[in-house]
Amino acid sequence: MQAVKIYTTAECPYCRQAKEVLKAKGVAHMEEIRVDSDAGQRAEMMAITGRRTVPQIFIGQTHVGGCDDLIALDASGGLVPLLNAA
């Protein structure tokens, strides 16, 4: 299974929802980077993604986007193959 990295904040309901979707798809471990407790991490996230909002989700080297993007990817049938890509 591909490594999953997710930029989050503590109080974000979309972050919680995205993590629940990923767990439901069998992701046992994800690297969670809290941007609310480290401004440098938010700056890094913005430099990499061009976005300020959380969550920002990476599966392997692929930037999925936010929670809505993750849900759309799942609905289109693309999430599981991306997670299981070698």
Foldseek 3Di string as FASTA:
>chain_A
DFAKEKEEADPDPQQVLQVVVVVVLPPPDHHYHYCVVPVVVQVVVCVVPVDNDDIFMDGHNDTQGTSVSQVVCVVVVNPNCSNVPD
